[in-house]
Amino acid sequence: MKKHKDLIKKLETVIDPELNLPITEMGLVYGAKYIDKENIKIVMTLTTIGCPLYDVIKDDIISTLKQDNKIKNVEIELTFDPPWTPEMMTDSAKMDIGFL
């Protein structure tokens, strides 16, 4: 799935509540696209299956994207294929949590 730059830019403000890093820098967003002018589809993963903070992240994604009054629906597809690994993080995020 193609990542639309404007959607990714908006998602940079969605923070992972556990690590306090943008979900985009965490490598959690696999895709973001407009289905049409009013509908968006996000494909994402979590750091672990069954992450108890998914609803918090999901609600933040939806409220962030719906700040654009043209957006009526945000579909979030959760996948674990491929599974998330720390290597998916940006170098900046790795440095922030001490991986580099």
Protein backbone atom coordinates (compact mmCIF):
# COMPACT_ATOMS: atom_id res chain seq x y z
CA MET A 1 0.00 0.00 0.00
CA LYS A 2 1.30 3.43 -0.92
CA LYS A 3 2.01 5.87 1.87
CA HIS A 4 0.51 9.24 1.03
CA LYS A 5 2.91 11.88 2.32
CA ASP A 6 0.21 14.19 3.68
CA LEU A 7 -1.37 11.37 5.69
CA ILE A 8 1.99 10.28 7.05
CA LYS A 9 2.73 13.89 8.02
CA LYS A 10 -0.52 13.99 10.02
CA LEU A 11 0.23 10.64 11.64
CA GLU A 12 3.58 11.96 12.88
CA THR A 13 1.61 13.62 15.69
CA VAL A 14 0.17 10.28 16.90
CA ILE A 15 2.37 9.17 19.79
CA ASP A 16 2.88 5.63 21.01
CA PRO A 17 1.76 5.98 24.64
CA GLU A 18 4.29 3.48 25.95
CA LEU A 19 7.48 4.70 24.29
CA ASN A 20 6.37 8.31 23.76
CA LEU A 21 7.49 8.26 20.11
CA PRO A 22 5.51 8.95 16.92
CA ILE A 23 3.98 5.78 15.49
CA THR A 24 5.52 6.72 12.15
CA GLU A 25 9.04 6.70 13.64
CA MET A 26 8.26 3.42 15.39
CA GLY A 27 7.61 1.83 12.00
CA LEU A 28 4.06 0.89 12.96
CA VAL A 29 2.42 2.37 9.86
CA TYR A 30 2.73 0.08 6.85
CA GLY A 31 0.42 2.05 4.58
CA ALA A 32 -1.86 5.07 4.40
CA LYS A 33 -4.04 5.94 1.45
CA TYR A 34 -7.12 7.80 0.37
CA ILE A 35 -9.87 5.49 -0.82
CA ASP A 36 -11.65 8.65 -1.98
CA LYS A 37 -11.89 12.25 -0.74
CA GLU A 38 -13.78 11.27 2.43
CA ASN A 39 -12.36 7.85 3.28
CA ILE A 40 -8.90 6.76 4.39
CA LYS A 41 -7.38 3.36 4.95
CA ILE A 42 -4.45 2.82 7.30
CA VAL A 43 -2.56 -0.47 7.49
CA MET A 44 -0.54 -0.77 10.65
CA THR A 45 0.93 -3.13 13.17
CA LEU A 46 1.74 -3.08 16.86
CA THR A 47 4.94 -3.91 18.69
CA THR A 48 3.24 -6.98 20.18
CA ILE A 49 0.15 -9.00 19.42
CA GLY A 50 -2.55 -8.12 21.95
CA CYS A 51 -1.04 -4.75 22.83
CA PRO A 52 -3.45 -3.29 25.41
CA LEU A 53 -2.87 0.24 24.08
CA TYR A 54 -4.22 -0.41 20.58
CA ASP A 55 -7.53 1.33 21.29
CA VAL A 56 -5.69 4.43 22.51
CA ILE A 57 -3.55 4.53 19.35
CA LYS A 58 -6.53 3.79 17.09
CA ASP A 59 -8.65 6.54 18.64
CA ASP A 60 -5.77 9.02 18.33
CA ILE A 61 -5.28 8.11 14.65
CA ILE A 62 -8.98 8.59 13.92
CA SER A 63 -9.30 11.87 15.80
CA THR A 64 -6.09 13.22 14.24
CA LEU A 65 -7.17 12.42 10.68
CA LYS A 66 -10.74 13.60 11.21
CA GLN A 67 -9.46 17.06 12.15
CA ASP A 68 -9.65 17.50 8.39
CA ASN A 69 -13.41 18.05 8.08
CA LYS A 70 -13.42 16.38 4.65
CA ILE A 71 -12.49 13.03 6.20
CA LYS A 72 -15.60 11.06 7.17
CA ASN A 73 -14.25 7.53 7.70
CA VAL A 74 -10.91 6.09 8.79
CA GLU A 75 -10.51 2.35 8.35
CA ILE A 76 -7.64 0.81 10.26
CA GLU A 77 -6.43 -2.62 9.22
CA LEU A 78 -4.29 -4.23 11.87
CA THR A 79 -1.75 -6.75 10.59
CA PHE A 80 1.15 -8.69 11.99
CA ASP A 81 2.53 -9.68 8.60
CA PRO A 82 5.31 -8.82 8.63
CA PRO A 83 5.72 -8.81 12.39
CA TRP A 84 7.16 -5.63 13.87
CA THR A 85 10.82 -5.61 14.88
CA PRO A 86 12.95 -2.80 16.33
CA GLU A 87 14.78 -2.61 12.99
CA MET A 88 11.62 -0.96 11.57
CA MET A 89 12.22 2.10 13.73
CA THR A 90 13.90 5.21 12.36
CA ASP A 91 17.46 5.79 13.53
CA SER A 92 16.23 8.81 15.47
CA ALA A 93 13.69 6.69 17.36
CA LYS A 94 16.31 4.02 18.05
CA MET A 95 18.60 6.67 19.50
CA ASP A 96 15.78 8.08 21.64
CA ILE A 97 15.25 4.74 23.37
CA GLY A 98 18.90 3.72 23.46
CA PHE A 99 19.00 1.14 20.67
CA LEU A 100 21.84 3.02 18.91
